[in-house]
Amino acid sequence: MALRMANNSLFAILLRSPWWYSVGIGLFFIALSVIFARGKYLPFGIFTALPFFAIAGYAGYKQYQQPSYKRVLEVDQLARKMSATEIAEKIASRYSEKGYESDVFKGNGAEFELTRSYRKVLLSTKRFKVANTGIEPLKQLVAIGEKEEATGYLYVALGEISEAARDYAKENNIELIQAIRLAAFFDGKAVID
């Protein structure tokens, strides 16, 4: 049985929030023990605050690895001036740095085929500038991938992505690359399996 944190638990919410929220809650517990108990239960306040400080450290570390909002906007504007092939080459080069072989895809639904041992990933950037992405382009990518025996997919979209498309992506091992993740690829900070 694998332990998994509930999506709406306090700690899960704090992991998705700015790190200083957790620090504030931890300091609140310490302040409670000092002010209301006149310091009598300070060790209890500190003990209660420790998990929040741990969450703050972890969240801060993860947030430090993410590009800034300003950088995301810069990359978004830069990417909109680039062609789909240039974006695909940029992402493929980062995968090549991590040991993947990068080959131009010979079909019509993707730009690159990225392979490493048993893993085969199809990269699609053809429609990355569209304002809204629905489920159909993702279905087409998966259909092509099934013929090619792909184990995963990368789909670049700078516009809005529908909820149905997000759900379909989760079900079919499709990583949706939007502006934040694209900025990480541009800066060489993208974590790649």
C-alpha atoms as a PDB file:
ATOM      1  CA  MET A   1       0.000   0.000   0.000  1.00  0.00           C
ATOM      2  CA  ALA A   2       1.540   3.276  -1.119  1.00  0.00           C
ATOM      3  CA  LEU A   3       0.950   6.278   1.095  1.00  0.00           C
ATOM      4  CA  ARG A   4      -0.410   9.236  -0.789  1.00  0.00           C
ATOM      5  CA  MET A   5      -1.285  12.687   0.454  1.00  0.00           C
ATOM      6  CA  ALA A   6      -4.871  13.800  -0.105  1.00  0.00           C
ATOM      7  CA  ASN A   7      -5.038  16.478  -2.808  1.00  0.00           C
ATOM      8  CA  ASN A   8      -6.970  18.945  -0.630  1.00  0.00           C
ATOM      9  CA  SER A   9      -5.146  18.363   2.666  1.00  0.00           C
ATOM     10  CA  LEU A  10      -3.505  21.334   4.353  1.00  0.00           C
ATOM     11  CA  PHE A  11       0.016  20.110   3.556  1.00  0.00           C
ATOM     12  CA  ALA A  12      -0.819  19.417  -0.090  1.00  0.00           C
ATOM     13  CA  ILE A  13      -2.229  22.926  -0.428  1.00  0.00           C
ATOM     14  CA  LEU A  14       0.843  24.414   1.246  1.00  0.00           C
ATOM     15  CA  LEU A  15       3.132  22.491  -1.136  1.00  0.00           C
ATOM     16  CA  ARG A  16       1.415  24.283  -4.026  1.00  0.00           C
ATOM     17  CA  SER A  17       1.469  27.684  -2.281  1.00  0.00           C
ATOM     18  CA  PRO A  18       4.337  30.174  -1.867  1.00  0.00           C
ATOM     19  CA  TRP A  19       6.839  28.902   0.713  1.00  0.00           C
ATOM     20  CA  TRP A  20       6.322  31.806   3.070  1.00  0.00           C
ATOM     21  CA  TYR A  21       2.716  30.720   3.768  1.00  0.00           C
ATOM     22  CA  SER A  22       4.087  27.692   5.607  1.00  0.00           C
ATOM     23  CA  VAL A  23       6.627  29.801   7.477  1.00  0.00           C
ATOM     24  CA  GLY A  24       3.825  32.137   8.561  1.00  0.00           C
ATOM     25  CA  ILE A  25       1.735  29.256   9.920  1.00  0.00           C
ATOM     26  CA  GLY A  26       4.756  27.863  11.773  1.00  0.00           C
ATOM     27  CA  LEU A  27       5.511  31.256  13.307  1.00  0.00           C
ATOM     28  CA  PHE A  28       1.837  31.579  14.259  1.00  0.00           C
ATOM     29  CA  PHE A  29       2.051  28.380  16.358  1.00  0.00           C
ATOM     30  CA  ILE A  30       5.210  29.600  18.052  1.00  0.00           C
ATOM     31  CA  ALA A  31       3.604  32.984  18.746  1.00  0.00           C
ATOM     32  CA  LEU A  32       0.532  31.254  20.208  1.00  0.00           C
ATOM     33  CA  SER A  33       2.687  29.305  22.630  1.00  0.00           C
ATOM     34  CA  VAL A  34       4.574  32.454  23.678  1.00  0.00           C
ATOM     35  CA  ILE A  35       1.690  34.937  23.908  1.00  0.00           C
ATOM     36  CA  PHE A  36      -1.201  32.869  25.242  1.00  0.00           C
ATOM     37  CA  ALA A  37       0.725  30.385  27.346  1.00  0.00           C
ATOM     38  CA  ARG A  38       3.372  32.939  28.420  1.00  0.00           C
ATOM     39  CA  GLY A  39       6.137  30.771  27.006  1.00  0.00           C
ATOM     40  CA  LYS A  40       5.181  27.862  29.216  1.00  0.00           C
ATOM     41  CA  TYR A  41       4.543  25.631  26.195  1.00  0.00           C
ATOM     42  CA  LEU A  42       7.197  27.061  23.857  1.00  0.00           C
ATOM     43  CA  PRO A  43       8.707  23.604  23.124  1.00  0.00           C
ATOM     44  CA  PHE A  44       5.214  22.405  22.118  1.00  0.00           C
ATOM     45  CA  GLY A  45       4.805  25.453  19.820  1.00  0.00           C
ATOM     46  CA  ILE A  46       8.173  24.800  18.204  1.00  0.00           C
ATOM     47  CA  PHE A  47       7.404  21.099  17.821  1.00  0.00           C
ATOM     48  CA  THR A  48       4.056  21.951  16.205  1.00  0.00           C
ATOM     49  CA  ALA A  49       5.743  24.429  13.816  1.00  0.00           C
ATOM     50  CA  LEU A  50       8.450  22.015  12.583  1.00  0.00           C
ATOM     51  CA  PRO A  51       6.308  20.272   9.909  1.00  0.00           C
ATOM     52  CA  PHE A  52       5.342  23.664   8.506  1.00  0.00           C
ATOM     53  CA  PHE A  53       8.984  24.751   8.354  1.00  0.00           C
ATOM     54  CA  ALA A  54       9.838  21.475   6.584  1.00  0.00           C
ATOM     55  CA  ILE A  55       7.050  22.083   4.048  1.00  0.00           C
ATOM     56  CA  ALA A  56       8.322  25.666   3.598  1.00  0.00           C
ATOM     57  CA  GLY A  57      11.838  24.381   2.890  1.00  0.00           C
ATOM     58  CA  TYR A  58      10.651  21.830   0.360  1.00  0.00           C
ATOM     59  CA  ALA A  59       8.222  24.245  -1.326  1.00  0.00           C
ATOM     60  CA  GLY A  60      10.913  26.936  -1.421  1.00  0.00           C
ATOM     61  CA  TYR A  61      13.371  24.534  -3.035  1.00  0.00           C
ATOM     62  CA  LYS A  62      10.836  23.529  -5.700  1.00  0.00           C
ATOM     63  CA  GLN A  63       9.832  27.156  -6.325  1.00  0.00           C
ATOM     64  CA  TYR A  64      13.480  28.220  -6.624  1.00  0.00           C
ATOM     65  CA  GLN A  65      13.858  25.764  -9.500  1.00  0.00           C
ATOM     66  CA  GLN A  66      10.920  27.326 -11.365  1.00  0.00           C
ATOM     67  CA  PRO A  67      11.498  30.290 -13.690  1.00  0.00           C
ATOM     68  CA  SER A  68      10.280  33.679 -12.511  1.00  0.00           C
ATOM     69  CA  TYR A  69       7.020  35.173 -13.778  1.00  0.00           C
ATOM     70  CA  LYS A  70       9.015  37.755 -15.750  1.00  0.00           C
ATOM     71  CA  ARG A  71      11.101  35.024 -17.383  1.00  0.00           C
ATOM     72  CA  VAL A  72       7.980  33.041 -18.285  1.00  0.00           C
ATOM     73  CA  LEU A  73       6.531  36.095 -20.050  1.00  0.00           C
ATOM     74  CA  GLU A  74       9.825  36.688 -21.902  1.00  0.00           C
ATOM     75  CA  VAL A  75       9.962  33.079 -23.104  1.00  0.00           C
ATOM     76  CA  ASP A  76       6.285  33.175 -24.081  1.00  0.00           C
ATOM     77  CA  GLN A  77       6.864  36.255 -26.259  1.00  0.00           C
ATOM     78  CA  LEU A  78      10.067  34.825 -27.703  1.00  0.00           C
ATOM     79  CA  ALA A  79       8.421  31.474 -28.475  1.00  0.00           C
ATOM     80  CA  ARG A  80       5.525  33.128 -30.308  1.00  0.00           C
ATOM     81  CA  LYS A  81       8.084  34.615 -32.722  1.00  0.00           C
ATOM     82  CA  MET A  82       9.692  31.222 -33.348  1.00  0.00           C
ATOM     83  CA  SER A  83       8.559  28.446 -35.658  1.00  0.00           C
ATOM     84  CA  ALA A  84       7.243  25.101 -34.452  1.00  0.00           C
ATOM     85  CA  THR A  85      10.418  23.428 -35.689  1.00  0.00           C
ATOM     86  CA  GLU A  86      12.652  25.793 -33.693  1.00  0.00           C
ATOM     87  CA  ILE A  87      10.666  25.088 -30.519  1.00  0.00           C
ATOM     88  CA  ALA A  88      10.837  21.343 -31.169  1.00  0.00           C
ATOM     89  CA  GLU A  89      14.607  21.506 -31.724  1.00  0.00           C
ATOM     90  CA  LYS A  90      15.060  23.425 -28.467  1.00  0.00           C
ATOM     91  CA  ILE A  91      13.137  20.815 -26.473  1.00  0.00           C
ATOM     92  CA  ALA A  92      14.754  17.881 -28.309  1.00  0.00           C
ATOM     93  CA  SER A  93      18.232  19.261 -27.571  1.00  0.00           C
ATOM     94  CA  ARG A  94      17.450  19.202 -23.821  1.00  0.00           C
ATOM     95  CA  TYR A  95      16.341  15.586 -24.119  1.00  0.00           C
ATOM     96  CA  SER A  96      19.537  14.778 -26.044  1.00  0.00           C
ATOM     97  CA  GLU A  97      21.553  16.212 -23.151  1.00  0.00           C
ATOM     98  CA  LYS A  98      19.856  13.664 -20.884  1.00  0.00           C
ATOM     99  CA  GLY A  99      20.811  10.690 -23.065  1.00  0.00           C
ATOM    100  CA  TYR A 100      17.871  10.520 -25.443  1.00  0.00           C
ATOM    101  CA  GLU A 101      18.407   9.952 -29.149  1.00  0.00           C
ATOM    102  CA  SER A 102      16.563  12.560 -31.161  1.00  0.00           C
ATOM    103  CA  ASP A 103      15.278  11.725 -34.643  1.00  0.00           C
ATOM    104  CA  VAL A 104      13.068  13.765 -36.919  1.00  0.00           C
ATOM    105  CA  PHE A 105       9.661  12.090 -36.984  1.00  0.00           C
ATOM    106  CA  LYS A 106       8.805  10.907 -40.465  1.00  0.00           C
ATOM    107  CA  GLY A 107       5.043  11.123 -40.001  1.00  0.00           C
ATOM    108  CA  ASN A 108       2.698  14.076 -39.924  1.00  0.00           C
ATOM    109  CA  GLY A 109       1.639  14.256 -36.249  1.00  0.00           C
ATOM    110  CA  ALA A 110       4.902  15.034 -34.471  1.00  0.00           C
ATOM    111  CA  GLU A 111       8.226  16.747 -35.071  1.00  0.00           C
ATOM    112  CA  PHE A 112      10.624  14.500 -33.154  1.00  0.00           C
ATOM    113  CA  GLU A 113      10.891  10.982 -31.847  1.00  0.00           C
ATOM    114  CA  LEU A 114      12.949  10.869 -28.644  1.00  0.00           C
ATOM    115  CA  THR A 115      14.229   7.440 -27.568  1.00  0.00           C
ATOM    116  CA  ARG A 116      16.255   6.089 -24.671  1.00  0.00           C
ATOM    117  CA  SER A 117      16.427   2.332 -24.096  1.00  0.00           C
ATOM    118  CA  TYR A 118      12.791   1.122 -24.001  1.00  0.00           C
ATOM    119  CA  ARG A 119      11.263   4.625 -23.762  1.00  0.00           C
ATOM    120  CA  LYS A 120       9.958   6.320 -26.926  1.00  0.00           C
ATOM    121  CA  VAL A 121       8.453   9.811 -26.700  1.00  0.00           C
ATOM    122  CA  LEU A 122       6.774  11.724 -29.530  1.00  0.00           C
ATOM    123  CA  LEU A 123       7.121  15.531 -29.464  1.00  0.00           C
ATOM    124  CA  SER A 124       4.433  17.662 -31.120  1.00  0.00           C
ATOM    125  CA  THR A 125       4.715  21.446 -31.501  1.00  0.00           C
ATOM    126  CA  LYS A 126       2.719  21.980 -34.701  1.00  0.00           C
ATOM    127  CA  ARG A 127      -0.191  23.784 -33.045  1.00  0.00           C
ATOM    128  CA  PHE A 128       1.624  25.483 -30.172  1.00  0.00           C
ATOM    129  CA  LYS A 129       0.399  29.006 -31.055  1.00  0.00           C
ATOM    130  CA  VAL A 130      -3.349  28.258 -31.107  1.00  0.00           C
ATOM    131  CA  ALA A 131      -5.453  30.142 -28.564  1.00  0.00           C
ATOM    132  CA  ASN A 132      -7.411  27.087 -27.365  1.00  0.00           C
ATOM    133  CA  THR A 133      -6.432  23.441 -27.408  1.00  0.00           C
ATOM    134  CA  GLY A 134      -9.137  20.811 -27.268  1.00  0.00           C
ATOM    135  CA  ILE A 135      -8.999  17.060 -27.112  1.00  0.00           C
ATOM    136  CA  GLU A 136      -8.801  16.299 -30.872  1.00  0.00           C
ATOM    137  CA  PRO A 137      -5.094  17.109 -31.485  1.00  0.00           C
ATOM    138  CA  LEU A 138      -4.187  14.993 -28.457  1.00  0.00           C
ATOM    139  CA  LYS A 139      -6.230  12.073 -29.779  1.00  0.00           C
ATOM    140  CA  GLN A 140      -4.454  12.374 -33.122  1.00  0.00           C
ATOM    141  CA  LEU A 141      -1.065  12.346 -31.381  1.00  0.00           C
ATOM    142  CA  VAL A 142      -1.973   9.241 -29.386  1.00  0.00           C
ATOM    143  CA  ALA A 143      -3.291   7.483 -32.509  1.00  0.00           C
ATOM    144  CA  ILE A 144       0.017   8.113 -34.263  1.00  0.00           C
ATOM    145  CA  GLY A 145       1.932   7.058 -31.161  1.00  0.00           C
ATOM    146  CA  GLU A 146       0.089   3.762 -30.937  1.00  0.00           C
ATOM    147  CA  LYS A 147       1.237   2.897 -34.474  1.00  0.00           C
ATOM    148  CA  GLU A 148       4.814   3.850 -33.528  1.00  0.00           C
ATOM    149  CA  GLU A 149       4.666   2.061 -30.143  1.00  0.00           C
ATOM    150  CA  ALA A 150       5.350   5.292 -28.240  1.00  0.00           C
ATOM    151  CA  THR A 151       5.466   5.143 -24.433  1.00  0.00           C
ATOM    152  CA  GLY A 152       4.907   8.862 -23.891  1.00  0.00           C
ATOM    153  CA  TYR A 153       4.067  12.151 -25.546  1.00  0.00           C
ATOM    154  CA  LEU A 154       5.039  15.814 -25.317  1.00  0.00           C
ATOM    155  CA  TYR A 155       2.547  18.385 -26.554  1.00  0.00           C
ATOM    156  CA  VAL A 156       3.452  22.092 -26.609  1.00  0.00           C
ATOM    157  CA  ALA A 157       0.595  24.579 -26.236  1.00  0.00           C
ATOM    158  CA  LEU A 158       0.969  28.229 -25.245  1.00  0.00           C
ATOM    159  CA  GLY A 159      -2.778  28.945 -25.255  1.00  0.00           C
ATOM    160  CA  GLU A 160      -5.565  27.659 -23.047  1.00  0.00           C
ATOM    161  CA  ILE A 161      -6.089  23.918 -22.706  1.00  0.00           C
ATOM    162  CA  SER A 162      -9.599  22.588 -22.075  1.00  0.00           C
ATOM    163  CA  GLU A 163     -10.378  20.485 -19.003  1.00  0.00           C
ATOM    164  CA  ALA A 164     -11.329  17.561 -21.236  1.00  0.00           C
ATOM    165  CA  ALA A 165      -7.919  17.802 -22.952  1.00  0.00           C
ATOM    166  CA  ARG A 166      -6.134  17.936 -19.566  1.00  0.00           C
ATOM    167  CA  ASP A 167      -8.009  14.853 -18.387  1.00  0.00           C
ATOM    168  CA  TYR A 168      -7.234  13.033 -21.642  1.00  0.00           C
ATOM    169  CA  ALA A 169      -3.545  13.987 -21.290  1.00  0.00           C
ATOM    170  CA  LYS A 170      -3.392  12.502 -17.773  1.00  0.00           C
ATOM    171  CA  GLU A 171      -5.026   9.280 -18.930  1.00  0.00           C
ATOM    172  CA  ASN A 172      -2.676   8.863 -21.912  1.00  0.00           C
ATOM    173  CA  ASN A 173       0.739   9.877 -20.531  1.00  0.00           C
ATOM    174  CA  ILE A 174       0.867  13.175 -22.432  1.00  0.00           C
ATOM    175  CA  GLU A 175       2.985  15.913 -20.888  1.00  0.00           C
ATOM    176  CA  LEU A 176       1.464  19.277 -21.719  1.00  0.00           C
ATOM    177  CA  ILE A 177       4.238  21.832 -22.090  1.00  0.00           C
ATOM    178  CA  GLN A 178       3.002  25.343 -21.457  1.00  0.00           C
ATOM    179  CA  ALA A 179       4.854  28.611 -20.862  1.00  0.00           C
ATOM    180  CA  ILE A 180       6.309  27.769 -17.428  1.00  0.00           C
ATOM    181  CA  ARG A 181       7.656  24.384 -18.518  1.00  0.00           C
ATOM    182  CA  LEU A 182       8.845  25.847 -21.822  1.00  0.00           C
ATOM    183  CA  ALA A 183      10.811  28.500 -19.923  1.00  0.00           C
ATOM    184  CA  ALA A 184      12.476  25.706 -17.941  1.00  0.00           C
ATOM    185  CA  PHE A 185      13.464  24.037 -21.242  1.00  0.00           C
ATOM    186  CA  PHE A 186      14.834  27.317 -22.599  1.00  0.00           C
ATOM    187  CA  ASP A 187      16.885  27.899 -19.435  1.00  0.00           C
ATOM    188  CA  GLY A 188      18.157  24.318 -19.201  1.00  0.00           C
ATOM    189  CA  LYS A 189      16.367  23.744 -15.869  1.00  0.00           C
ATOM    190  CA  ALA A 190      13.739  21.280 -17.060  1.00  0.00           C
ATOM    191  CA  VAL A 191      13.693  18.043 -15.089  1.00  0.00           C
ATOM    192  CA  ILE A 192      13.566  15.148 -17.549  1.00  0.00           C
ATOM    193  CA  ASP A 193      12.969  11.481 -16.646  1.00  0.00           C
END
